[in-house]
Amino acid sequence: MRNAFPHAAVFFLLLALPAHAGICKTENLMPEFFAFEAKTKDLTPEQRGDAFVKDIASRHEDFYTAEEYGDADKLRKSATRFFDPAKPIQFGGFGPLTDEHLHAVAANVMPAFDKAQADFAKTFPDFRCDADIAFGVSLLHFDGHGYNDKTGREKMRFGIDMIALLHQPQDLPAFFAHELFHIYHAQALGVHPEDDDRTWWAMWAEGLATYVSRQMNLPQTEQQVLWIPSDLVAQMEKPGVMKETAKEMLADFDTTENYRNWFAAGHSAPNLPARAGYFMGLRMAEELGRTRTLQELAHLTPEEVRPLAKAFLENQAR
């Protein structure tokens, strides 16, 4: 494949800083993936997809969960598509992803994460990282995704393929801070915030994580910590857009069925940008952050947040 990111390897090498003592329990699946990739390189995409399910996914069910990937047939289709050279690996306007770039990111993402977690602990000294963290190929499903397993143990998965597609090296400190904050938020509250997909709580949880990631990585801009769409801030700041967004989010305030419209790439409410909920949550956190520290914001309970979220949206809807 042609290298669509000619300078990426150089940039990521700049991130290969000395590893810090790890706070989080991490597992790196990429060496196993690359060994599988080399072993199966002469097989057809269909054969590689089938082998991936048997040889990789079956050994790492915490990463390739049925909730995210569906049954074995759906997982096989995702893997087959990933290995098909006739279908360039891309997402939206990002890509195509090359083998060279994937290897460069995989080689340097762990040092970048080690530094990010050490920096995070400086801002939140009580951070325990009560989660199992894994890095692997997500088959274009996610860059970062957290969930609780059946025992209640928190899991955080990082998709190296999507990180390579969506993020530049200079984005990674803020990206990791965002995801680490979700873990810390659960620790601070004693619950996993992302278990509740109601619009008002998701707006707060994602907006606050975005706000924290920016405060820890100034002078990055709002757009730099919101990432996608690449013009989200510009779209949201057009006359009347925040007002209309607030009205629609108030209509969905206590519901969960429209979560994707507000927080998922590739989905949106009618005539509004994708991931508008992130922007609104960031603006809410910025407003509350004028009189509260990051630690105080992190410890606001759902009972405290709900009326604040409603008041924020009602004010924006006027």
C-alpha atoms as a PDB file:
ATOM      1  CA  MET A   1       0.000   0.000   0.000  1.00  0.00           C
ATOM      2  CA  ARG A   2       1.114   3.555  -0.609  1.00  0.00           C
ATOM      3  CA  ASN A   3       2.079   5.476   2.510  1.00  0.00           C
ATOM      4  CA  ALA A   4      -0.639   8.092   2.966  1.00  0.00           C
ATOM      5  CA  PHE A   5       1.043   9.434   6.120  1.00  0.00           C
ATOM      6  CA  PRO A   6       4.655  10.070   5.002  1.00  0.00           C
ATOM      7  CA  HIS A   7       5.640  12.025   8.094  1.00  0.00           C
ATOM      8  CA  ALA A   8       3.671  10.041  10.670  1.00  0.00           C
ATOM      9  CA  ALA A   9       6.440   7.642  11.646  1.00  0.00           C
ATOM     10  CA  VAL A  10       8.781  10.528  12.358  1.00  0.00           C
ATOM     11  CA  PHE A  11       6.169  12.309  14.462  1.00  0.00           C
ATOM     12  CA  PHE A  12       5.373   9.220  16.484  1.00  0.00           C
ATOM     13  CA  LEU A  13       9.027   8.572  17.144  1.00  0.00           C
ATOM     14  CA  LEU A  14       9.062  11.896  18.954  1.00  0.00           C
ATOM     15  CA  LEU A  15       6.609  10.379  21.396  1.00  0.00           C
ATOM     16  CA  ALA A  16       8.865   7.470  22.265  1.00  0.00           C
ATOM     17  CA  LEU A  17       9.788   8.931  25.620  1.00  0.00           C
ATOM     18  CA  PRO A  18      11.146   6.850  28.501  1.00  0.00           C
ATOM     19  CA  ALA A  19       8.338   4.798  30.033  1.00  0.00           C
ATOM     20  CA  HIS A  20       7.040   5.912  33.416  1.00  0.00           C
ATOM     21  CA  ALA A  21       6.067   3.530  36.170  1.00  0.00           C
ATOM     22  CA  GLY A  22       2.645   2.285  35.175  1.00  0.00           C
ATOM     23  CA  ILE A  23      -0.370   3.116  37.305  1.00  0.00           C
ATOM     24  CA  CYS A  24      -2.861   1.267  35.131  1.00  0.00           C
ATOM     25  CA  LYS A  25      -2.866  -2.454  34.422  1.00  0.00           C
ATOM     26  CA  THR A  26      -2.272  -2.682  30.681  1.00  0.00           C
ATOM     27  CA  GLU A  27      -2.158  -5.411  28.047  1.00  0.00           C
ATOM     28  CA  ASN A  28      -0.759  -4.917  24.553  1.00  0.00           C
ATOM     29  CA  LEU A  29      -2.313  -7.225  21.948  1.00  0.00           C
ATOM     30  CA  MET A  30      -0.454  -5.692  19.006  1.00  0.00           C
ATOM     31  CA  PRO A  31       2.594  -8.038  18.962  1.00  0.00           C
ATOM     32  CA  GLU A  32       0.193 -10.978  18.762  1.00  0.00           C
ATOM     33  CA  PHE A  33      -1.768  -9.243  16.012  1.00  0.00           C
ATOM     34  CA  PHE A  34       1.321  -8.485  13.948  1.00  0.00           C
ATOM     35  CA  ALA A  35       2.478 -12.113  14.276  1.00  0.00           C
ATOM     36  CA  PHE A  36      -0.962 -13.222  13.082  1.00  0.00           C
ATOM     37  CA  GLU A  37      -0.823 -10.706  10.230  1.00  0.00           C
ATOM     38  CA  ALA A  38       2.527 -12.058   9.013  1.00  0.00           C
ATOM     39  CA  LYS A  39       1.454 -15.694   9.403  1.00  0.00           C
ATOM     40  CA  THR A  40      -1.744 -15.223   7.371  1.00  0.00           C
ATOM     41  CA  LYS A  41      -0.516 -12.749   4.748  1.00  0.00           C
ATOM     42  CA  ASP A  42      -0.927 -15.250   1.876  1.00  0.00           C
ATOM     43  CA  LEU A  43      -4.515 -16.178   2.772  1.00  0.00           C
ATOM     44  CA  THR A  44      -7.617 -14.655   1.231  1.00  0.00           C
ATOM     45  CA  PRO A  45      -9.475 -11.945   3.195  1.00  0.00           C
ATOM     46  CA  GLU A  46     -12.215 -14.470   3.969  1.00  0.00           C
ATOM     47  CA  GLN A  47      -9.703 -16.998   5.277  1.00  0.00           C
ATOM     48  CA  ARG A  48      -7.974 -14.340   7.356  1.00  0.00           C
ATOM     49  CA  GLY A  49     -11.302 -13.192   8.771  1.00  0.00           C
ATOM     50  CA  ASP A  50     -12.149 -16.708   9.801  1.00  0.00           C
ATOM     51  CA  ALA A  51      -8.694 -17.244  11.319  1.00  0.00           C
ATOM     52  CA  PHE A  52      -8.918 -13.949  13.189  1.00  0.00           C
ATOM     53  CA  VAL A  53     -12.099 -15.059  14.940  1.00  0.00           C
ATOM     54  CA  LYS A  54     -10.567 -18.404  15.891  1.00  0.00           C
ATOM     55  CA  ASP A  55      -7.002 -17.352  16.723  1.00  0.00           C
ATOM     56  CA  ILE A  56      -7.289 -13.797  18.074  1.00  0.00           C
ATOM     57  CA  ALA A  57     -10.826 -12.874  19.096  1.00  0.00           C
ATOM     58  CA  SER A  58     -11.530 -16.170  20.863  1.00  0.00           C
ATOM     59  CA  ARG A  59      -8.495 -15.586  23.108  1.00  0.00           C
ATOM     60  CA  HIS A  60      -9.416 -11.994  23.916  1.00  0.00           C
ATOM     61  CA  GLU A  61     -13.142 -11.959  24.535  1.00  0.00           C
ATOM     62  CA  ASP A  62     -12.834  -8.965  26.877  1.00  0.00           C
ATOM     63  CA  PHE A  63     -11.620  -6.929  23.909  1.00  0.00           C
ATOM     64  CA  TYR A  64     -13.830  -8.392  21.169  1.00  0.00           C
ATOM     65  CA  THR A  65     -17.090  -8.441  23.105  1.00  0.00           C
ATOM     66  CA  ALA A  66     -20.364  -9.599  21.620  1.00  0.00           C
ATOM     67  CA  GLU A  67     -21.957  -6.357  22.823  1.00  0.00           C
ATOM     68  CA  GLU A  68     -19.621  -4.372  20.566  1.00  0.00           C
ATOM     69  CA  TYR A  69     -18.976  -6.758  17.671  1.00  0.00           C
ATOM     70  CA  GLY A  70     -22.047  -8.962  17.564  1.00  0.00           C
ATOM     71  CA  ASP A  71     -21.916 -12.701  17.027  1.00  0.00           C
ATOM     72  CA  ALA A  72     -19.094 -14.630  15.374  1.00  0.00           C
ATOM     73  CA  ASP A  73     -20.494 -14.047  11.869  1.00  0.00           C
ATOM     74  CA  LYS A  74     -20.592 -10.265  12.343  1.00  0.00           C
ATOM     75  CA  LEU A  75     -17.120 -10.266  13.861  1.00  0.00           C
ATOM     76  CA  ARG A  76     -15.858 -12.352  10.928  1.00  0.00           C
ATOM     77  CA  LYS A  77     -17.317  -9.810   8.475  1.00  0.00           C
ATOM     78  CA  SER A  78     -15.565  -6.950  10.280  1.00  0.00           C
ATOM     79  CA  ALA A  79     -12.260  -8.825  10.185  1.00  0.00           C
ATOM     80  CA  THR A  80     -12.656  -9.841   6.540  1.00  0.00           C
ATOM     81  CA  ARG A  81     -13.318  -6.265   5.546  1.00  0.00           C
ATOM     82  CA  PHE A  82     -10.272  -5.101   7.541  1.00  0.00           C
ATOM     83  CA  PHE A  83      -7.994  -7.543   5.701  1.00  0.00           C
ATOM     84  CA  ASP A  84      -9.406  -6.885   2.216  1.00  0.00           C
ATOM     85  CA  PRO A  85      -6.759  -5.041   0.129  1.00  0.00           C
ATOM     86  CA  ALA A  86      -9.472  -3.986  -2.322  1.00  0.00           C
ATOM     87  CA  LYS A  87     -11.112  -1.891   0.417  1.00  0.00           C
ATOM     88  CA  PRO A  88      -8.763   0.778   1.783  1.00  0.00           C
ATOM     89  CA  ILE A  89      -8.891   1.114   5.566  1.00  0.00           C
ATOM     90  CA  GLN A  90     -10.453   4.487   6.211  1.00  0.00           C
ATOM     91  CA  PHE A  91     -13.044   6.172   8.385  1.00  0.00           C
ATOM     92  CA  GLY A  92     -15.036   9.137   7.170  1.00  0.00           C
ATOM     93  CA  GLY A  93     -12.548  11.551   5.686  1.00  0.00           C
ATOM     94  CA  PHE A  94      -9.581   9.950   7.456  1.00  0.00           C
ATOM     95  CA  GLY A  95      -7.168   7.512   5.876  1.00  0.00           C
ATOM     96  CA  PRO A  96      -6.380   5.319   4.114  1.00  0.00           C
ATOM     97  CA  LEU A  97      -4.421   3.566   6.829  1.00  0.00           C
ATOM     98  CA  THR A  98      -1.158   1.944   5.753  1.00  0.00           C
ATOM     99  CA  ASP A  99       0.713  -0.967   7.306  1.00  0.00           C
ATOM    100  CA  GLU A 100       3.683   1.324   7.896  1.00  0.00           C
ATOM    101  CA  HIS A 101       1.612   3.840   9.827  1.00  0.00           C
ATOM    102  CA  LEU A 102      -0.133   1.177  11.897  1.00  0.00           C
ATOM    103  CA  HIS A 103       3.224  -0.288  12.920  1.00  0.00           C
ATOM    104  CA  ALA A 104       4.625   3.166  13.752  1.00  0.00           C
ATOM    105  CA  VAL A 105       1.679   4.027  15.975  1.00  0.00           C
ATOM    106  CA  ALA A 106       1.717   0.628  17.680  1.00  0.00           C
ATOM    107  CA  ALA A 107       5.420   0.978  18.469  1.00  0.00           C
ATOM    108  CA  ASN A 108       5.034   4.345  20.138  1.00  0.00           C
ATOM    109  CA  VAL A 109       1.569   4.460  21.653  1.00  0.00           C
ATOM    110  CA  MET A 110       2.562   2.682  24.865  1.00  0.00           C
ATOM    111  CA  PRO A 111       5.302   5.189  25.779  1.00  0.00           C
ATOM    112  CA  ALA A 112       2.821   7.974  25.021  1.00  0.00           C
ATOM    113  CA  PHE A 113       0.235   6.342  27.276  1.00  0.00           C
ATOM    114  CA  ASP A 114       2.756   5.815  30.069  1.00  0.00           C
ATOM    115  CA  LYS A 115       3.569   9.515  30.041  1.00  0.00           C
ATOM    116  CA  ALA A 116      -0.114  10.452  29.868  1.00  0.00           C
ATOM    117  CA  GLN A 117      -1.055   8.398  32.917  1.00  0.00           C
ATOM    118  CA  ALA A 118       1.876   9.822  34.889  1.00  0.00           C
ATOM    119  CA  ASP A 119       0.787  13.359  33.945  1.00  0.00           C
ATOM    120  CA  PHE A 120      -2.819  12.540  34.838  1.00  0.00           C
ATOM    121  CA  ALA A 121      -1.790  11.403  38.313  1.00  0.00           C
ATOM    122  CA  LYS A 122      -0.108  14.770  38.873  1.00  0.00           C
ATOM    123  CA  THR A 123      -3.439  16.513  38.299  1.00  0.00           C
ATOM    124  CA  PHE A 124      -5.471  13.892  40.196  1.00  0.00           C
ATOM    125  CA  PRO A 125      -3.101  12.488  42.869  1.00  0.00           C
ATOM    126  CA  ASP A 126      -5.742  10.082  44.207  1.00  0.00           C
ATOM    127  CA  PHE A 127      -6.083   8.369  40.806  1.00  0.00           C
ATOM    128  CA  ARG A 128      -5.978   4.588  41.279  1.00  0.00           C
ATOM    129  CA  CYS A 129      -6.818   3.495  37.730  1.00  0.00           C
ATOM    130  CA  ASP A 130      -9.294   0.822  38.789  1.00  0.00           C
ATOM    131  CA  ALA A 131      -9.551  -0.612  35.297  1.00  0.00           C
ATOM    132  CA  ASP A 132      -7.982  -3.190  33.004  1.00  0.00           C
ATOM    133  CA  ILE A 133      -6.666  -1.493  29.887  1.00  0.00           C
ATOM    134  CA  ALA A 134      -5.912  -3.206  26.582  1.00  0.00           C
ATOM    135  CA  PHE A 135      -4.474  -1.998  23.281  1.00  0.00           C
ATOM    136  CA  GLY A 136      -5.339  -3.850  20.094  1.00  0.00           C
ATOM    137  CA  VAL A 137      -6.859  -3.636  16.618  1.00  0.00           C
ATOM    138  CA  SER A 138     -10.518  -2.654  16.913  1.00  0.00           C
ATOM    139  CA  LEU A 139     -11.420  -3.447  13.289  1.00  0.00           C
ATOM    140  CA  LEU A 140     -12.516   0.207  12.937  1.00  0.00           C
ATOM    141  CA  HIS A 141     -14.953   0.022  15.875  1.00  0.00           C
ATOM    142  CA  PHE A 142     -13.408   2.533  18.306  1.00  0.00           C
ATOM    143  CA  ASP A 143     -10.354   4.549  19.286  1.00  0.00           C
ATOM    144  CA  GLY A 144     -11.158   4.420  23.007  1.00  0.00           C
ATOM    145  CA  HIS A 145     -14.047   2.596  24.638  1.00  0.00           C
ATOM    146  CA  GLY A 146     -14.840   1.737  28.255  1.00  0.00           C
ATOM    147  CA  TYR A 147     -17.320  -0.718  29.726  1.00  0.00           C
ATOM    148  CA  ASN A 148     -17.945  -2.808  32.842  1.00  0.00           C
ATOM    149  CA  ASP A 149     -17.699  -6.579  32.609  1.00  0.00           C
ATOM    150  CA  LYS A 150     -20.153  -8.983  34.251  1.00  0.00           C
ATOM    151  CA  THR A 151     -18.309  -8.761  37.571  1.00  0.00           C
ATOM    152  CA  GLY A 152     -18.443  -4.961  37.564  1.00  0.00           C
ATOM    153  CA  ARG A 153     -14.745  -4.639  36.745  1.00  0.00           C
ATOM    154  CA  GLU A 154     -14.060  -1.674  34.504  1.00  0.00           C
ATOM    155  CA  LYS A 155     -12.415  -2.281  31.137  1.00  0.00           C
ATOM    156  CA  MET A 156     -10.893   0.276  28.806  1.00  0.00           C
ATOM    157  CA  ARG A 157      -9.990  -0.711  25.262  1.00  0.00           C
ATOM    158  CA  PHE A 158      -7.902   1.313  22.842  1.00  0.00           C
ATOM    159  CA  GLY A 159      -8.137   0.613  19.109  1.00  0.00           C
ATOM    160  CA  ILE A 160      -4.717   1.232  17.592  1.00  0.00           C
ATOM    161  CA  ASP A 161      -6.157   1.249  14.067  1.00  0.00           C
ATOM    162  CA  MET A 162      -8.646   4.009  14.878  1.00  0.00           C
ATOM    163  CA  ILE A 163      -6.085   5.953  16.899  1.00  0.00           C
ATOM    164  CA  ALA A 164      -3.805   5.825  13.863  1.00  0.00           C
ATOM    165  CA  LEU A 165      -6.609   7.017  11.587  1.00  0.00           C
ATOM    166  CA  LEU A 166      -8.110   9.771  13.738  1.00  0.00           C
ATOM    167  CA  HIS A 167      -5.308  11.214  15.844  1.00  0.00           C
ATOM    168  CA  GLN A 168      -2.076  13.030  15.206  1.00  0.00           C
ATOM    169  CA  PRO A 169       0.818  12.514  17.645  1.00  0.00           C
ATOM    170  CA  GLN A 170       0.194  15.907  19.231  1.00  0.00           C
ATOM    171  CA  ASP A 171      -3.415  14.836  19.969  1.00  0.00           C
ATOM    172  CA  LEU A 172      -2.496  11.843  22.092  1.00  0.00           C
ATOM    173  CA  PRO A 173      -1.895  13.518  25.476  1.00  0.00           C
ATOM    174  CA  ALA A 174      -5.382  15.083  25.395  1.00  0.00           C
ATOM    175  CA  PHE A 175      -6.961  11.921  23.958  1.00  0.00           C
ATOM    176  CA  PHE A 176      -5.519   9.739  26.713  1.00  0.00           C
ATOM    177  CA  ALA A 177      -6.392  12.331  29.372  1.00  0.00           C
ATOM    178  CA  HIS A 178     -10.014  12.219  28.156  1.00  0.00           C
ATOM    179  CA  GLU A 179     -10.218   8.440  28.450  1.00  0.00           C
ATOM    180  CA  LEU A 180      -8.333   8.301  31.746  1.00  0.00           C
ATOM    181  CA  PHE A 181     -10.725  10.849  33.159  1.00  0.00           C
ATOM    182  CA  HIS A 182     -13.646   8.508  32.468  1.00  0.00           C
ATOM    183  CA  ILE A 183     -11.893   5.956  34.683  1.00  0.00           C
ATOM    184  CA  TYR A 184     -11.224   8.556  37.361  1.00  0.00           C
ATOM    185  CA  HIS A 185     -14.813   9.839  37.153  1.00  0.00           C
ATOM    186  CA  ALA A 186     -16.085   6.364  37.977  1.00  0.00           C
ATOM    187  CA  GLN A 187     -13.647   6.205  40.892  1.00  0.00           C
ATOM    188  CA  ALA A 188     -14.711   9.632  42.183  1.00  0.00           C
ATOM    189  CA  LEU A 189     -18.419   8.796  42.060  1.00  0.00           C
ATOM    190  CA  GLY A 190     -18.263   5.105  42.894  1.00  0.00           C
ATOM    191  CA  VAL A 191     -20.123   4.271  39.665  1.00  0.00           C
ATOM    192  CA  HIS A 192     -19.288   3.996  35.980  1.00  0.00           C
ATOM    193  CA  PRO A 193     -20.621   7.211  34.357  1.00  0.00           C
ATOM    194  CA  GLU A 194     -20.939   5.695  30.889  1.00  0.00           C
ATOM    195  CA  ASP A 195     -23.353   3.027  32.119  1.00  0.00           C
ATOM    196  CA  ASP A 196     -26.021   5.756  31.969  1.00  0.00           C
ATOM    197  CA  ASP A 197     -26.743   6.839  28.396  1.00  0.00           C
ATOM    198  CA  ARG A 198     -29.433   9.329  29.313  1.00  0.00           C
ATOM    199  CA  THR A 199     -28.796  12.469  27.316  1.00  0.00           C
ATOM    200  CA  TRP A 200     -28.200  14.813  30.240  1.00  0.00           C
ATOM    201  CA  TRP A 201     -25.668  12.556  31.959  1.00  0.00           C
ATOM    202  CA  ALA A 202     -23.832  11.583  28.767  1.00  0.00           C
ATOM    203  CA  MET A 203     -23.567  15.289  27.895  1.00  0.00           C
ATOM    204  CA  TRP A 204     -21.971  15.950  31.276  1.00  0.00           C
ATOM    205  CA  ALA A 205     -19.690  12.905  31.348  1.00  0.00           C
ATOM    206  CA  GLU A 206     -18.328  13.454  27.839  1.00  0.00           C
ATOM    207  CA  GLY A 207     -18.235  17.228  28.132  1.00  0.00           C
ATOM    208  CA  LEU A 208     -16.372  17.129  31.430  1.00  0.00           C
ATOM    209  CA  ALA A 209     -13.828  14.606  30.109  1.00  0.00           C
ATOM    210  CA  THR A 210     -13.278  16.898  27.125  1.00  0.00           C
ATOM    211  CA  TYR A 211     -12.909  19.938  29.389  1.00  0.00           C
ATOM    212  CA  VAL A 212     -10.402  18.175  31.650  1.00  0.00           C
ATOM    213  CA  SER A 213      -8.376  17.003  28.652  1.00  0.00           C
ATOM    214  CA  ARG A 214      -8.164  20.583  27.398  1.00  0.00           C
ATOM    215  CA  GLN A 215      -7.272  22.093  30.761  1.00  0.00           C
ATOM    216  CA  MET A 216      -4.472  19.569  31.115  1.00  0.00           C
ATOM    217  CA  ASN A 217      -3.154  20.313  27.621  1.00  0.00           C
ATOM    218  CA  LEU A 218      -3.470  24.051  27.108  1.00  0.00           C
ATOM    219  CA  PRO A 219      -3.149  25.872  24.768  1.00  0.00           C
ATOM    220  CA  GLN A 220      -5.012  23.262  22.716  1.00  0.00           C
ATOM    221  CA  THR A 221      -8.245  24.667  21.319  1.00  0.00           C
ATOM    222  CA  GLU A 222     -11.784  23.395  21.769  1.00  0.00           C
ATOM    223  CA  GLN A 223     -11.684  21.884  18.287  1.00  0.00           C
ATOM    224  CA  GLN A 224      -8.417  20.093  18.986  1.00  0.00           C
ATOM    225  CA  VAL A 225      -9.891  18.264  21.997  1.00  0.00           C
ATOM    226  CA  LEU A 226     -13.234  17.597  20.269  1.00  0.00           C
ATOM    227  CA  TRP A 227     -11.452  16.037  17.239  1.00  0.00           C
ATOM    228  CA  ILE A 228     -14.329  15.089  14.977  1.00  0.00           C
ATOM    229  CA  PRO A 229     -16.038  16.400  12.965  1.00  0.00           C
ATOM    230  CA  SER A 230     -13.057  18.583  12.106  1.00  0.00           C
ATOM    231  CA  ASP A 231     -15.325  21.652  11.887  1.00  0.00           C
ATOM    232  CA  LEU A 232     -17.580  20.874  14.873  1.00  0.00           C
ATOM    233  CA  VAL A 233     -16.876  24.138  16.706  1.00  0.00           C
ATOM    234  CA  ALA A 234     -17.425  26.197  13.566  1.00  0.00           C
ATOM    235  CA  GLN A 235     -20.719  24.407  12.895  1.00  0.00           C
ATOM    236  CA  MET A 236     -21.955  24.792  16.464  1.00  0.00           C
ATOM    237  CA  GLU A 237     -21.103  28.499  16.597  1.00  0.00           C
ATOM    238  CA  LYS A 238     -23.232  29.359  13.579  1.00  0.00           C
ATOM    239  CA  PRO A 239     -26.214  31.565  14.529  1.00  0.00           C
ATOM    240  CA  GLY A 240     -29.025  29.575  16.116  1.00  0.00           C
ATOM    241  CA  VAL A 241     -27.284  26.173  16.139  1.00  0.00           C
ATOM    242  CA  MET A 242     -26.605  26.003  19.885  1.00  0.00           C
ATOM    243  CA  LYS A 243     -30.150  27.177  20.563  1.00  0.00           C
ATOM    244  CA  GLU A 244     -31.666  24.505  18.343  1.00  0.00           C
ATOM    245  CA  THR A 245     -29.345  21.846  19.777  1.00  0.00           C
ATOM    246  CA  ALA A 246     -30.376  22.773  23.310  1.00  0.00           C
ATOM    247  CA  LYS A 247     -34.068  22.509  22.415  1.00  0.00           C
ATOM    248  CA  GLU A 248     -33.607  19.070  20.874  1.00  0.00           C
ATOM    249  CA  MET A 249     -31.471  17.816  23.766  1.00  0.00           C
ATOM    250  CA  LEU A 250     -34.097  19.001  26.239  1.00  0.00           C
ATOM    251  CA  ALA A 251     -36.644  16.900  24.334  1.00  0.00           C
ATOM    252  CA  ASP A 252     -34.318  13.909  24.763  1.00  0.00           C
ATOM    253  CA  PHE A 253     -33.221  14.927  28.256  1.00  0.00           C
ATOM    254  CA  ASP A 254     -34.113  11.746  30.179  1.00  0.00           C
ATOM    255  CA  THR A 255     -34.090   9.327  27.253  1.00  0.00           C
ATOM    256  CA  THR A 256     -31.446   6.906  26.048  1.00  0.00           C
ATOM    257  CA  GLU A 257     -32.727   5.904  22.613  1.00  0.00           C
ATOM    258  CA  ASN A 258     -31.194   8.896  20.804  1.00  0.00           C
ATOM    259  CA  TYR A 259     -27.748   8.603  22.363  1.00  0.00           C
ATOM    260  CA  ARG A 260     -26.081   8.072  18.983  1.00  0.00           C
ATOM    261  CA  ASN A 261     -27.589  11.253  17.579  1.00  0.00           C
ATOM    262  CA  TRP A 262     -25.676  13.308  20.125  1.00  0.00           C
ATOM    263  CA  PHE A 263     -22.486  11.366  20.759  1.00  0.00           C
ATOM    264  CA  ALA A 264     -21.642   8.988  17.901  1.00  0.00           C
ATOM    265  CA  ALA A 265     -19.649   9.773  14.787  1.00  0.00           C
ATOM    266  CA  GLY A 266     -21.692   9.200  11.662  1.00  0.00           C
ATOM    267  CA  HIS A 267     -24.988   9.960  13.432  1.00  0.00           C
ATOM    268  CA  SER A 268     -26.718  13.244  14.211  1.00  0.00           C
ATOM    269  CA  ALA A 269     -30.030  14.858  15.020  1.00  0.00           C
ATOM    270  CA  PRO A 270     -31.763  16.326  11.957  1.00  0.00           C
ATOM    271  CA  ASN A 271     -29.920  19.369  10.580  1.00  0.00           C
ATOM    272  CA  LEU A 272     -27.402  19.359  13.442  1.00  0.00           C
ATOM    273  CA  PRO A 273     -23.744  18.294  13.526  1.00  0.00           C
ATOM    274  CA  ALA A 274     -22.605  14.851  14.630  1.00  0.00           C
ATOM    275  CA  ARG A 275     -21.355  14.694  18.231  1.00  0.00           C
ATOM    276  CA  ALA A 276     -23.075  17.952  19.128  1.00  0.00           C
ATOM    277  CA  GLY A 277     -23.554  16.569  22.647  1.00  0.00           C
ATOM    278  CA  TYR A 278     -19.798  16.693  23.207  1.00  0.00           C
ATOM    279  CA  PHE A 279     -19.714  20.375  22.326  1.00  0.00           C
ATOM    280  CA  MET A 280     -22.656  21.232  24.557  1.00  0.00           C
ATOM    281  CA  GLY A 281     -21.163  19.267  27.439  1.00  0.00           C
ATOM    282  CA  LEU A 282     -17.836  21.034  26.981  1.00  0.00           C
ATOM    283  CA  ARG A 283     -19.520  24.433  27.122  1.00  0.00           C
ATOM    284  CA  MET A 284     -21.431  23.394  30.260  1.00  0.00           C
ATOM    285  CA  ALA A 285     -18.207  22.245  31.924  1.00  0.00           C
ATOM    286  CA  GLU A 286     -16.469  25.475  30.920  1.00  0.00           C
ATOM    287  CA  GLU A 287     -19.268  27.447  32.533  1.00  0.00           C
ATOM    288  CA  LEU A 288     -19.199  25.470  35.782  1.00  0.00           C
ATOM    289  CA  GLY A 289     -15.410  25.440  35.754  1.00  0.00           C
ATOM    290  CA  ARG A 290     -15.285  29.179  36.288  1.00  0.00           C
ATOM    291  CA  THR A 291     -16.102  28.639  39.965  1.00  0.00           C
ATOM    292  CA  ARG A 292     -15.031  25.023  40.560  1.00  0.00           C
ATOM    293  CA  THR A 293     -11.752  23.108  40.437  1.00  0.00           C
ATOM    294  CA  LEU A 294     -11.324  20.012  38.279  1.00  0.00           C
ATOM    295  CA  GLN A 295     -11.541  17.858  41.402  1.00  0.00           C
ATOM    296  CA  GLU A 296     -14.783  19.557  42.480  1.00  0.00           C
ATOM    297  CA  LEU A 297     -16.298  19.060  39.032  1.00  0.00           C
ATOM    298  CA  ALA A 298     -15.326  15.385  39.052  1.00  0.00           C
ATOM    299  CA  HIS A 299     -17.118  14.832  42.356  1.00  0.00           C
ATOM    300  CA  LEU A 300     -20.438  16.411  41.381  1.00  0.00           C
ATOM    301  CA  THR A 301     -23.029  13.671  41.862  1.00  0.00           C
ATOM    302  CA  PRO A 302     -25.734  12.810  39.329  1.00  0.00           C
ATOM    303  CA  GLU A 303     -28.262  14.362  41.710  1.00  0.00           C
ATOM    304  CA  GLU A 304     -26.296  17.605  41.588  1.00  0.00           C
ATOM    305  CA  VAL A 305     -25.592  17.468  37.861  1.00  0.00           C
ATOM    306  CA  ARG A 306     -29.138  16.893  36.592  1.00  0.00           C
ATOM    307  CA  PRO A 307     -30.602  20.302  37.569  1.00  0.00           C
ATOM    308  CA  LEU A 308     -27.404  22.029  36.443  1.00  0.00           C
ATOM    309  CA  ALA A 309     -27.631  20.332  33.047  1.00  0.00           C
ATOM    310  CA  LYS A 310     -31.290  21.242  32.682  1.00  0.00           C
ATOM    311  CA  ALA A 311     -30.619  24.873  33.624  1.00  0.00           C
ATOM    312  CA  PHE A 312     -27.731  25.052  31.155  1.00  0.00           C
ATOM    313  CA  LEU A 313     -29.781  23.698  28.260  1.00  0.00           C
ATOM    314  CA  GLU A 314     -32.806  25.836  29.129  1.00  0.00           C
ATOM    315  CA  ASN A 315     -30.628  28.943  29.159  1.00  0.00           C
ATOM    316  CA  GLN A 316     -29.118  28.030  25.772  1.00  0.00           C
ATOM    317  CA  ALA A 317     -32.580  27.304  24.317  1.00  0.00           C
ATOM    318  CA  ARG A 318     -33.904  30.814  25.028  1.00  0.00           C
END
